[in-house]
């Protein structure tokens, strides 16, 4: 087993351990978006959004390109979205399992 890879994995998980960043990732999973589009869709002020985008870019989760004065962002590795969606599916299964347990106790 490669400890360096485990370290990288842990760092990536830390980067994604923020609901605002996860929302950004989810939105970018729909396709490339400008900073202004992301600000509108997330409800974040541009300064706050820029901080989150910088962190995601630094960790190579997203990539950016400039077109005139506008900056556009996209997912650097599409498998990242698949991985996050898989985790979301597991969470939904856990919620359903808990609900079934509660219904079983209430009966």
PDB file of N, CA and C in Angstrom:
ATOM      1  N   UNK A   1       0.847  -1.182   0.000  1.00  0.00           N
ATOM      2  CA  UNK A   1       0.000   0.000   0.000  1.00  0.00           C
ATOM      3  C   UNK A   1       0.887   1.237   0.000  1.00  0.00           C
ATOM      4  N   UNK A   2       0.458   2.235  -0.711  1.00  0.00           N
ATOM      5  CA  UNK A   2       1.245   3.443  -0.882  1.00  0.00           C
ATOM      6  C   UNK A   2       0.766   4.546   0.064  1.00  0.00           C
ATOM      7  N   UNK A   3       1.576   4.847   1.085  1.00  0.00           N
ATOM      8  CA  UNK A   3       1.210   5.883   2.051  1.00  0.00           C
ATOM      9  C   UNK A   3       1.086   7.254   1.406  1.00  0.00           C
ATOM     10  N   UNK A   4       1.879   7.521   0.379  1.00  0.00           N
ATOM     11  CA  UNK A   4       1.781   8.815  -0.306  1.00  0.00           C
ATOM     12  C   UNK A   4       0.403   8.984  -0.939  1.00  0.00           C
ATOM     13  N   UNK A   5      -0.094   7.913  -1.537  1.00  0.00           N
ATOM     14  CA  UNK A   5      -1.411   7.974  -2.159  1.00  0.00           C
ATOM     15  C   UNK A   5      -2.501   8.174  -1.105  1.00  0.00           C
ATOM     16  N   UNK A   6      -2.353   7.499   0.043  1.00  0.00           N
ATOM     17  CA  UNK A   6      -3.316   7.709   1.136  1.00  0.00           C
ATOM     18  C   UNK A   6      -3.281   9.163   1.607  1.00  0.00           C
ATOM     19  N   UNK A   7      -2.099   9.732   1.655  1.00  0.00           N
ATOM     20  CA  UNK A   7      -1.961  11.136   2.044  1.00  0.00           C
ATOM     21  C   UNK A   7      -2.644  12.062   1.057  1.00  0.00           C
ATOM     22  N   UNK A   8      -2.457  11.798  -0.230  1.00  0.00           N
ATOM     23  CA  UNK A   8      -3.113  12.601  -1.269  1.00  0.00           C
ATOM     24  C   UNK A   8      -4.632  12.470  -1.177  1.00  0.00           C
ATOM     25  N   UNK A   9      -5.085  11.250  -0.917  1.00  0.00           N
ATOM     26  CA  UNK A   9      -6.519  10.991  -0.794  1.00  0.00           C
ATOM     27  C   UNK A   9      -7.091  11.778   0.386  1.00  0.00           C
ATOM     28  N   UNK A  10      -6.381  11.747   1.505  1.00  0.00           N
ATOM     29  CA  UNK A  10      -6.830  12.481   2.696  1.00  0.00           C
ATOM     30  C   UNK A  10      -6.890  13.983   2.426  1.00  0.00           C
ATOM     31  N   UNK A  11      -5.896  14.510   1.728  1.00  0.00           N
ATOM     32  CA  UNK A  11      -5.880  15.942   1.396  1.00  0.00           C
ATOM     33  C   UNK A  11      -7.048  16.307   0.486  1.00  0.00           C
ATOM     34  N   UNK A  12      -7.338  15.450  -0.473  1.00  0.00           N
ATOM     35  CA  UNK A  12      -8.466  15.701  -1.363  1.00  0.00           C
ATOM     36  C   UNK A  12      -9.778  15.693  -0.579  1.00  0.00           C
ATOM     37  N   UNK A  13      -9.912  14.729   0.331  1.00  0.00           N
ATOM     38  CA  UNK A  13     -11.125  14.674   1.157  1.00  0.00           C
ATOM     39  C   UNK A  13     -11.265  15.934   2.004  1.00  0.00           C
ATOM     40  N   UNK A  14     -10.163  16.448   2.536  1.00  0.00           N
ATOM     41  CA  UNK A  14     -10.203  17.705   3.299  1.00  0.00           C
ATOM     42  C   UNK A  14     -10.675  18.848   2.410  1.00  0.00           C
ATOM     43  N   UNK A  15     -10.181  18.877   1.189  1.00  0.00           N
ATOM     44  CA  UNK A  15     -10.567  19.931   0.247  1.00  0.00           C
ATOM     45  C   UNK A  15     -12.062  19.884  -0.024  1.00  0.00           C
ATOM     46  N   UNK A  16     -12.614  18.701  -0.147  1.00  0.00           N
ATOM     47  CA  UNK A  16     -14.032  18.545  -0.472  1.00  0.00           C
ATOM     48  C   UNK A  16     -14.935  18.558   0.759  1.00  0.00           C
ATOM     49  N   UNK A  17     -14.346  18.627   1.943  1.00  0.00           N
ATOM     50  CA  UNK A  17     -15.126  18.585   3.183  1.00  0.00           C
ATOM     51  C   UNK A  17     -15.716  19.952   3.520  1.00  0.00           C
ATOM     52  N   UNK A  18     -16.376  20.548   2.546  1.00  0.00           N
ATOM     53  CA  UNK A  18     -17.013  21.849   2.717  1.00  0.00           C
ATOM     54  C   UNK A  18     -18.244  21.862   1.817  1.00  0.00           C
ATOM     55  N   UNK A  19     -19.413  22.112   2.400  1.00  0.00           N
ATOM     56  CA  UNK A  19     -20.641  22.005   1.605  1.00  0.00           C
ATOM     57  C   UNK A  19     -20.697  23.018   0.469  1.00  0.00           C
ATOM     58  N   UNK A  20     -20.068  24.169   0.632  1.00  0.00           N
ATOM     59  CA  UNK A  20     -20.058  25.154  -0.453  1.00  0.00           C
ATOM     60  C   UNK A  20     -19.213  24.647  -1.621  1.00  0.00           C
ATOM     61  N   UNK A  21     -18.074  24.036  -1.314  1.00  0.00           N
ATOM     62  CA  UNK A  21     -17.222  23.495  -2.378  1.00  0.00           C
ATOM     63  C   UNK A  21     -17.891  22.320  -3.071  1.00  0.00           C
ATOM     64  N   UNK A  22     -18.599  21.499  -2.309  1.00  0.00           N
ATOM     65  CA  UNK A  22     -19.326  20.382  -2.922  1.00  0.00           C
ATOM     66  C   UNK A  22     -20.416  20.894  -3.858  1.00  0.00           C
ATOM     67  N   UNK A  23     -21.080  21.975  -3.454  1.00  0.00           N
ATOM     68  CA  UNK A  23     -22.107  22.562  -4.319  1.00  0.00           C
ATOM     69  C   UNK A  23     -21.481  23.096  -5.606  1.00  0.00           C
ATOM     70  N   UNK A  24     -20.326  23.746  -5.480  1.00  0.00           N
ATOM     71  CA  UNK A  24     -19.605  24.241  -6.661  1.00  0.00           C
ATOM     72  C   UNK A  24     -19.256  23.071  -7.577  1.00  0.00           C
ATOM     73  N   UNK A  25     -18.743  22.002  -6.996  1.00  0.00           N
ATOM     74  CA  UNK A  25     -18.372  20.821  -7.775  1.00  0.00           C
ATOM     75  C   UNK A  25     -19.590  20.239  -8.492  1.00  0.00           C
ATOM     76  N   UNK A  26     -20.700  20.150  -7.774  1.00  0.00           N
ATOM     77  CA  UNK A  26     -21.933  19.624  -8.360  1.00  0.00           C
ATOM     78  C   UNK A  26     -22.373  20.492  -9.540  1.00  0.00           C
ATOM     79  N   UNK A  27     -22.351  21.813  -9.367  1.00  0.00           N
ATOM     80  CA  UNK A  27     -22.750  22.728 -10.444  1.00  0.00           C
ATOM     81  C   UNK A  27     -21.818  22.619 -11.648  1.00  0.00           C
ATOM     82  N   UNK A  28     -20.525  22.493 -11.388  1.00  0.00           N
ATOM     83  CA  UNK A  28     -19.573  22.360 -12.493  1.00  0.00           C
ATOM     84  C   UNK A  28     -19.701  21.005 -13.178  1.00  0.00           C
ATOM     85  N   UNK A  29     -20.261  20.038 -12.478  1.00  0.00           N
ATOM     86  CA  UNK A  29     -20.539  18.742 -13.091  1.00  0.00           C
ATOM     87  C   UNK A  29     -21.541  18.857 -14.230  1.00  0.00           C
ATOM     88  N   UNK A  30     -22.342  19.930 -14.209  1.00  0.00           N
ATOM     89  CA  UNK A  30     -23.303  20.191 -15.286  1.00  0.00           C
ATOM     90  C   UNK A  30     -22.615  20.771 -16.516  1.00  0.00           C
ATOM     91  N   UNK A  31     -21.394  21.300 -16.327  1.00  0.00           N
ATOM     92  CA  UNK A  31     -20.654  21.903 -17.434  1.00  0.00           C
ATOM     93  C   UNK A  31     -19.924  23.151 -16.986  1.00  0.00           C
ATOM     94  N   UNK A  32     -19.096  23.657 -17.870  1.00  0.00           N
ATOM     95  CA  UNK A  32     -18.285  24.844 -17.589  1.00  0.00           C
ATOM     96  C   UNK A  32     -19.183  26.037 -17.244  1.00  0.00           C
ATOM     97  N   UNK A  33     -18.734  26.828 -16.257  1.00  0.00           N
ATOM     98  CA  UNK A  33     -19.502  28.000 -15.828  1.00  0.00           C
ATOM     99  C   UNK A  33     -18.564  29.154 -15.524  1.00  0.00           C
ATOM    100  N   UNK A  34     -19.078  30.353 -15.723  1.00  0.00           N
ATOM    101  CA  UNK A  34     -18.311  31.553 -15.378  1.00  0.00           C
ATOM    102  C   UNK A  34     -18.445  31.822 -13.881  1.00  0.00           C
ATOM    103  N   UNK A  35     -17.574  32.677 -13.378  1.00  0.00           N
ATOM    104  CA  UNK A  35     -17.629  33.052 -11.967  1.00  0.00           C
ATOM    105  C   UNK A  35     -18.981  33.686 -11.656  1.00  0.00           C
ATOM    106  N   UNK A  36     -19.466  34.539 -12.540  1.00  0.00           N
ATOM    107  CA  UNK A  36     -20.754  35.197 -12.278  1.00  0.00           C
ATOM    108  C   UNK A  36     -21.903  34.185 -12.256  1.00  0.00           C
ATOM    109  N   UNK A  37     -21.866  33.180 -13.123  1.00  0.00           N
ATOM    110  CA  UNK A  37     -22.892  32.129 -13.100  1.00  0.00           C
ATOM    111  C   UNK A  37     -22.839  31.362 -11.785  1.00  0.00           C
ATOM    112  N   UNK A  38     -21.624  31.009 -11.360  1.00  0.00           N
ATOM    113  CA  UNK A  38     -21.469  30.269 -10.107  1.00  0.00           C
ATOM    114  C   UNK A  38     -21.924  31.099  -8.915  1.00  0.00           C
ATOM    115  N   UNK A  39     -21.614  32.384  -8.922  1.00  0.00           N
ATOM    116  CA  UNK A  39     -22.035  33.262  -7.820  1.00  0.00           C
ATOM    117  C   UNK A  39     -23.558  33.291  -7.736  1.00  0.00           C
ATOM    118  N   UNK A  40     -24.200  33.408  -8.869  1.00  0.00           N
ATOM    119  CA  UNK A  40     -25.664  33.454  -8.906  1.00  0.00           C
ATOM    120  C   UNK A  40     -26.269  32.135  -8.434  1.00  0.00           C
ATOM    121  N   UNK A  41     -25.714  31.019  -8.899  1.00  0.00           N
ATOM    122  CA  UNK A  41     -26.279  29.708  -8.585  1.00  0.00           C
ATOM    123  C   UNK A  41     -25.973  29.239  -7.166  1.00  0.00           C
ATOM    124  N   UNK A  42     -24.866  29.704  -6.595  1.00  0.00           N
ATOM    125  CA  UNK A  42     -24.521  29.293  -5.229  1.00  0.00           C
ATOM    126  C   UNK A  42     -25.034  30.272  -4.183  1.00  0.00           C
ATOM    127  N   UNK A  43     -25.284  31.510  -4.607  1.00  0.00           N
ATOM    128  CA  UNK A  43     -25.688  32.539  -3.649  1.00  0.00           C
ATOM    129  C   UNK A  43     -24.519  33.104  -2.866  1.00  0.00           C
ATOM    130  N   UNK A  44     -23.296  32.751  -3.266  1.00  0.00           N
ATOM    131  CA  UNK A  44     -22.102  33.243  -2.576  1.00  0.00           C
ATOM    132  C   UNK A  44     -21.682  34.588  -3.153  1.00  0.00           C
ATOM    133  N   UNK A  45     -21.150  35.441  -2.278  1.00  0.00           N
ATOM    134  CA  UNK A  45     -20.555  36.685  -2.775  1.00  0.00           C
ATOM    135  C   UNK A  45     -19.316  36.312  -3.580  1.00  0.00           C
ATOM    136  N   UNK A  46     -18.993  37.137  -4.557  1.00  0.00           N
ATOM    137  CA  UNK A  46     -17.895  36.808  -5.467  1.00  0.00           C
ATOM    138  C   UNK A  46     -16.572  36.633  -4.727  1.00  0.00           C
ATOM    139  N   UNK A  47     -16.314  37.446  -3.699  1.00  0.00           N
ATOM    140  CA  UNK A  47     -15.057  37.323  -2.950  1.00  0.00           C
ATOM    141  C   UNK A  47     -14.971  35.971  -2.249  1.00  0.00           C
ATOM    142  N   UNK A  48     -16.079  35.548  -1.636  1.00  0.00           N
ATOM    143  CA  UNK A  48     -16.112  34.264  -0.939  1.00  0.00           C
ATOM    144  C   UNK A  48     -16.001  33.116  -1.934  1.00  0.00           C
ATOM    145  N   UNK A  49     -16.718  33.229  -3.042  1.00  0.00           N
ATOM    146  CA  UNK A  49     -16.664  32.214  -4.093  1.00  0.00           C
ATOM    147  C   UNK A  49     -15.248  32.073  -4.633  1.00  0.00           C
ATOM    148  N   UNK A  50     -14.584  33.189  -4.853  1.00  0.00           N
ATOM    149  CA  UNK A  50     -13.216  33.166  -5.389  1.00  0.00           C
ATOM    150  C   UNK A  50     -12.263  32.417  -4.470  1.00  0.00           C
ATOM    151  N   UNK A  51     -12.454  32.544  -3.160  1.00  0.00           N
ATOM    152  CA  UNK A  51     -11.613  31.803  -2.209  1.00  0.00           C
ATOM    153  C   UNK A  51     -11.816  30.301  -2.376  1.00  0.00           C
ATOM    154  N   UNK A  52     -13.066  29.885  -2.482  1.00  0.00           N
ATOM    155  CA  UNK A  52     -13.355  28.460  -2.654  1.00  0.00           C
ATOM    156  C   UNK A  52     -12.820  27.948  -3.991  1.00  0.00           C
ATOM    157  N   UNK A  53     -12.987  28.735  -5.036  1.00  0.00           N
ATOM    158  CA  UNK A  53     -12.478  28.340  -6.352  1.00  0.00           C
ATOM    159  C   UNK A  53     -10.959  28.216  -6.340  1.00  0.00           C
ATOM    160  N   UNK A  54     -10.291  29.116  -5.635  1.00  0.00           N
ATOM    161  CA  UNK A  54      -8.826  29.064  -5.554  1.00  0.00           C
ATOM    162  C   UNK A  54      -8.365  27.780  -4.873  1.00  0.00           C
ATOM    163  N   UNK A  55      -9.050  27.391  -3.809  1.00  0.00           N
ATOM    164  CA  UNK A  55      -8.695  26.154  -3.097  1.00  0.00           C
ATOM    165  C   UNK A  55      -8.899  24.948  -4.012  1.00  0.00           C
ATOM    166  N   UNK A  56     -10.034  24.900  -4.685  1.00  0.00           N
ATOM    167  CA  UNK A  56     -10.319  23.783  -5.594  1.00  0.00           C
ATOM    168  C   UNK A  56      -9.334  23.738  -6.757  1.00  0.00           C
ATOM    169  N   UNK A  57      -8.948  24.900  -7.249  1.00  0.00           N
ATOM    170  CA  UNK A  57      -7.982  24.960  -8.358  1.00  0.00           C
ATOM    171  C   UNK A  57      -6.596  24.534  -7.883  1.00  0.00           C
ATOM    172  N   UNK A  58      -6.205  24.987  -6.694  1.00  0.00           N
ATOM    173  CA  UNK A  58      -4.899  24.634  -6.131  1.00  0.00           C
ATOM    174  C   UNK A  58      -4.755  23.118  -5.973  1.00  0.00           C
ATOM    175  N   UNK A  59      -5.843  22.460  -5.596  1.00  0.00           N
ATOM    176  CA  UNK A  59      -5.826  21.002  -5.411  1.00  0.00           C
ATOM    177  C   UNK A  59      -6.149  20.249  -6.702  1.00  0.00           C
ATOM    178  N   UNK A  60      -6.220  20.990  -7.820  1.00  0.00           N
ATOM    179  CA  UNK A  60      -6.447  20.419  -9.154  1.00  0.00           C
ATOM    180  C   UNK A  60      -7.781  19.693  -9.292  1.00  0.00           C
ATOM    181  N   UNK A  61      -8.773  20.137  -8.516  1.00  0.00           N
ATOM    182  CA  UNK A  61     -10.117  19.587  -8.641  1.00  0.00           C
ATOM    183  C   UNK A  61     -10.817  20.243  -9.822  1.00  0.00           C
ATOM    184  N   UNK A  62     -10.541  21.535 -10.018  1.00  0.00           N
ATOM    185  CA  UNK A  62     -11.123  22.279 -11.130  1.00  0.00           C
ATOM    186  C   UNK A  62     -10.012  22.946 -11.938  1.00  0.00           C
ATOM    187  N   UNK A  63     -10.360  23.349 -13.140  1.00  0.00           N
ATOM    188  CA  UNK A  63      -9.432  24.076 -14.014  1.00  0.00           C
ATOM    189  C   UNK A  63     -10.139  25.341 -14.477  1.00  0.00           C
ATOM    190  N   UNK A  64      -9.347  26.345 -14.822  1.00  0.00           N
ATOM    191  CA  UNK A  64      -9.942  27.609 -15.258  1.00  0.00           C
ATOM    192  C   UNK A  64      -9.366  28.037 -16.602  1.00  0.00           C
ATOM    193  N   UNK A  65     -10.128  28.892 -17.263  1.00  0.00           N
ATOM    194  CA  UNK A  65      -9.647  29.530 -18.486  1.00  0.00           C
ATOM    195  C   UNK A  65     -10.224  30.932 -18.519  1.00  0.00           C
ATOM    196  N   UNK A  66      -9.488  31.815 -19.145  1.00  0.00           N
ATOM    197  CA  UNK A  66      -9.915  33.201 -19.241  1.00  0.00           C
ATOM    198  C   UNK A  66     -10.374  33.486 -20.662  1.00  0.00           C
ATOM    199  N   UNK A  67     -11.464  34.228 -20.774  1.00  0.00           N
ATOM    200  CA  UNK A  67     -11.978  34.661 -22.075  1.00  0.00           C
ATOM    201  C   UNK A  67     -12.325  36.142 -21.936  1.00  0.00           C
ATOM    202  N   UNK A  68     -11.411  36.978 -22.373  1.00  0.00           N
ATOM    203  CA  UNK A  68     -11.579  38.419 -22.160  1.00  0.00           C
ATOM    204  C   UNK A  68     -11.450  38.726 -20.681  1.00  0.00           C
ATOM    205  N   UNK A  69     -12.480  39.321 -20.111  1.00  0.00           N
ATOM    206  CA  UNK A  69     -12.447  39.622 -18.676  1.00  0.00           C
ATOM    207  C   UNK A  69     -13.107  38.525 -17.846  1.00  0.00           C
ATOM    208  N   UNK A  70     -13.781  37.599 -18.502  1.00  0.00           N
ATOM    209  CA  UNK A  70     -14.489  36.534 -17.789  1.00  0.00           C
ATOM    210  C   UNK A  70     -13.568  35.339 -17.541  1.00  0.00           C
ATOM    211  N   UNK A  71     -13.763  34.707 -16.384  1.00  0.00           N
ATOM    212  CA  UNK A  71     -13.036  33.478 -16.050  1.00  0.00           C
ATOM    213  C   UNK A  71     -14.064  32.354 -15.975  1.00  0.00           C
ATOM    214  N   UNK A  72     -13.747  31.251 -16.631  1.00  0.00           N
ATOM    215  CA  UNK A  72     -14.626  30.091 -16.665  1.00  0.00           C
ATOM    216  C   UNK A  72     -13.955  28.923 -15.948  1.00  0.00           C
ATOM    217  N   UNK A  73     -14.770  28.137 -15.254  1.00  0.00           N
ATOM    218  CA  UNK A  73     -14.265  26.982 -14.519  1.00  0.00           C
ATOM    219  C   UNK A  73     -14.946  25.715 -15.004  1.00  0.00           C
ATOM    220  N   UNK A  74     -14.194  24.619 -14.910  1.00  0.00           N
ATOM    221  CA  UNK A  74     -14.736  23.302 -15.239  1.00  0.00           C
ATOM    222  C   UNK A  74     -14.060  22.276 -14.338  1.00  0.00           C
ATOM    223  N   UNK A  75     -14.628  21.098 -14.303  1.00  0.00           N
ATOM    224  CA  UNK A  75     -14.055  19.990 -13.543  1.00  0.00           C
ATOM    225  C   UNK A  75     -12.776  19.542 -14.245  1.00  0.00           C
ATOM    226  N   UNK A  76     -11.703  19.397 -13.489  1.00  0.00           N
ATOM    227  CA  UNK A  76     -10.430  18.977 -14.082  1.00  0.00           C
ATOM    228  C   UNK A  76     -10.460  17.496 -14.470  1.00  0.00           C
ATOM    229  N   UNK A  77     -11.072  16.683 -13.627  1.00  0.00           N
ATOM    230  CA  UNK A  77     -11.152  15.247 -13.873  1.00  0.00           C
ATOM    231  C   UNK A  77     -12.600  14.806 -13.670  1.00  0.00           C
ATOM    232  N   UNK A  78     -13.328  14.502 -14.741  1.00  0.00           N
ATOM    233  CA  UNK A  78     -14.750  14.147 -14.633  1.00  0.00           C
ATOM    234  C   UNK A  78     -15.048  13.007 -13.653  1.00  0.00           C
ATOM    235  N   UNK A  79     -14.107  12.119 -13.432  1.00  0.00           N
ATOM    236  CA  UNK A  79     -14.336  11.032 -12.474  1.00  0.00           C
ATOM    237  C   UNK A  79     -14.575  11.563 -11.062  1.00  0.00           C
ATOM    238  N   UNK A  80     -14.112  12.785 -10.801  1.00  0.00           N
ATOM    239  CA  UNK A  80     -14.325  13.403  -9.493  1.00  0.00           C
ATOM    240  C   UNK A  80     -15.826  13.556  -9.223  1.00  0.00           C
ATOM    241  N   UNK A  81     -16.570  13.959 -10.237  1.00  0.00           N
ATOM    242  CA  UNK A  81     -18.020  14.119 -10.096  1.00  0.00           C
ATOM    243  C   UNK A  81     -18.660  12.754  -9.872  1.00  0.00           C
ATOM    244  N   UNK A  82     -18.203  11.744 -10.608  1.00  0.00           N
ATOM    245  CA  UNK A  82     -18.733  10.389 -10.433  1.00  0.00           C
ATOM    246  C   UNK A  82     -18.486   9.898  -9.008  1.00  0.00           C
ATOM    247  N   UNK A  83     -17.293  10.168  -8.485  1.00  0.00           N
ATOM    248  CA  UNK A  83     -16.961   9.743  -7.122  1.00  0.00           C
ATOM    249  C   UNK A  83     -17.867  10.429  -6.105  1.00  0.00           C
ATOM    250  N   UNK A  84     -18.078  11.723  -6.272  1.00  0.00           N
ATOM    251  CA  UNK A  84     -18.953  12.462  -5.351  1.00  0.00           C
ATOM    252  C   UNK A  84     -20.393  11.977  -5.457  1.00  0.00           C
ATOM    253  N   UNK A  85     -20.844  11.684  -6.668  1.00  0.00           N
ATOM    254  CA  UNK A  85     -22.200  11.161  -6.848  1.00  0.00           C
ATOM    255  C   UNK A  85     -22.359   9.795  -6.197  1.00  0.00           C
ATOM    256  N   UNK A  86     -21.320   8.971  -6.260  1.00  0.00           N
ATOM    257  CA  UNK A  86     -21.357   7.662  -5.620  1.00  0.00           C
ATOM    258  C   UNK A  86     -21.474   7.812  -4.103  1.00  0.00           C
ATOM    259  N   UNK A  87     -20.725   8.734  -3.539  1.00  0.00           N
ATOM    260  CA  UNK A  87     -20.813   8.993  -2.096  1.00  0.00           C
ATOM    261  C   UNK A  87     -22.216   9.474  -1.742  1.00  0.00           C
ATOM    262  N   UNK A  88     -22.783  10.357  -2.565  1.00  0.00           N
ATOM    263  CA  UNK A  88     -24.143  10.857  -2.328  1.00  0.00           C
ATOM    264  C   UNK A  88     -25.146   9.705  -2.353  1.00  0.00           C
ATOM    265  N   UNK A  89     -24.974   8.753  -3.278  1.00  0.00           N
ATOM    266  CA  UNK A  89     -25.860   7.589  -3.343  1.00  0.00           C
ATOM    267  C   UNK A  89     -25.771   6.764  -2.063  1.00  0.00           C
ATOM    268  N   UNK A  90     -24.565   6.578  -1.549  1.00  0.00           N
ATOM    269  CA  UNK A  90     -24.380   5.834  -0.298  1.00  0.00           C
ATOM    270  C   UNK A  90     -25.094   6.555   0.840  1.00  0.00           C
ATOM    271  N   UNK A  91     -24.959   7.879   0.891  1.00  0.00           N
ATOM    272  CA  UNK A  91     -25.623   8.658   1.941  1.00  0.00           C
ATOM    273  C   UNK A  91     -27.141   8.510   1.859  1.00  0.00           C
ATOM    274  N   UNK A  92     -27.688   8.537   0.657  1.00  0.00           N
ATOM    275  CA  UNK A  92     -29.134   8.359   0.489  1.00  0.00           C
ATOM    276  C   UNK A  92     -29.569   6.966   0.942  1.00  0.00           C
ATOM    277  N   UNK A  93     -28.755   5.954   0.655  1.00  0.00           N
ATOM    278  CA  UNK A  93     -29.058   4.594   1.117  1.00  0.00           C
ATOM    279  C   UNK A  93     -29.040   4.527   2.640  1.00  0.00           C
ATOM    280  N   UNK A  94     -28.084   5.218   3.267  1.00  0.00           N
ATOM    281  CA  UNK A  94     -28.030   5.251   4.731  1.00  0.00           C
ATOM    282  C   UNK A  94     -29.285   5.906   5.306  1.00  0.00           C
ATOM    283  N   UNK A  95     -29.715   6.998   4.694  1.00  0.00           N
ATOM    284  CA  UNK A  95     -30.926   7.688   5.155  1.00  0.00           C
ATOM    285  C   UNK A  95     -32.131   6.761   5.047  1.00  0.00           C
ATOM    286  N   UNK A  96     -32.264   6.074   3.914  1.00  0.00           N
ATOM    287  CA  UNK A  96     -33.383   5.148   3.723  1.00  0.00           C
ATOM    288  C   UNK A  96     -33.341   4.014   4.738  1.00  0.00           C
ATOM    289  N   UNK A  97     -32.151   3.504   5.012  1.00  0.00           N
ATOM    290  CA  UNK A  97     -31.996   2.424   5.981  1.00  0.00           C
ATOM    291  C   UNK A  97     -32.421   2.881   7.375  1.00  0.00           C
ATOM    292  N   UNK A  98     -32.020   4.088   7.750  1.00  0.00           N
ATOM    293  CA  UNK A  98     -32.408   4.628   9.065  1.00  0.00           C
ATOM    294  C   UNK A  98     -33.919   4.818   9.146  1.00  0.00           C
ATOM    295  N   UNK A  99     -34.512   5.304   8.064  1.00  0.00           N
ATOM    296  CA  UNK A  99     -35.962   5.517   8.058  1.00  0.00           C
ATOM    297  C   UNK A  99     -36.700   4.195   8.220  1.00  0.00           C
ATOM    298  N   UNK A 100     -36.207   3.139   7.576  1.00  0.00           N
ATOM    299  CA  UNK A 100     -36.828   1.821   7.713  1.00  0.00           C
ATOM    300  C   UNK A 100     -36.710   1.325   9.144  1.00  0.00           C
ATOM    301  N   UNK A 101     -35.545   1.570   9.761  1.00  0.00           N
ATOM    302  CA  UNK A 101     -35.344   1.156  11.147  1.00  0.00           C
ATOM    303  C   UNK A 101     -36.319   1.874  12.069  1.00  0.00           C
ATOM    304  N   UNK A 102     -36.469   3.171  11.877  1.00  0.00           N
ATOM    305  CA  UNK A 102     -37.369   3.969  12.716  1.00  0.00           C
ATOM    306  C   UNK A 102     -38.804   3.493  12.537  1.00  0.00           C
ATOM    307  N   UNK A 103     -39.208   3.236  11.301  1.00  0.00           N
ATOM    308  CA  UNK A 103     -40.567   2.744  11.051  1.00  0.00           C
ATOM    309  C   UNK A 103     -40.776   1.392  11.726  1.00  0.00           C
ATOM    310  N   UNK A 104     -39.745   0.548  11.742  1.00  0.00           N
ATOM    311  CA  UNK A 104     -39.840  -0.759  12.383  1.00  0.00           C
ATOM    312  C   UNK A 104     -39.974  -0.647  13.889  1.00  0.00           C
ATOM    313  N   UNK A 105     -39.334   0.339  14.484  1.00  0.00           N
ATOM    314  CA  UNK A 105     -39.395   0.550  15.934  1.00  0.00           C
ATOM    315  C   UNK A 105     -40.742   1.140  16.322  1.00  0.00           C
ATOM    316  N   UNK A 106     -41.274   2.023  15.494  1.00  0.00           N
ATOM    317  CA  UNK A 106     -42.535   2.705  15.789  1.00  0.00           C
ATOM    318  C   UNK A 106     -43.712   1.744  15.729  1.00  0.00           C
ATOM    319  N   UNK A 107     -43.654   0.735  14.862  1.00  0.00           N
ATOM    320  CA  UNK A 107     -44.777  -0.217  14.706  1.00  0.00           C
ATOM    321  C   UNK A 107     -45.017  -1.029  15.920  1.00  0.00           C
TER     322      UNK A 107
END
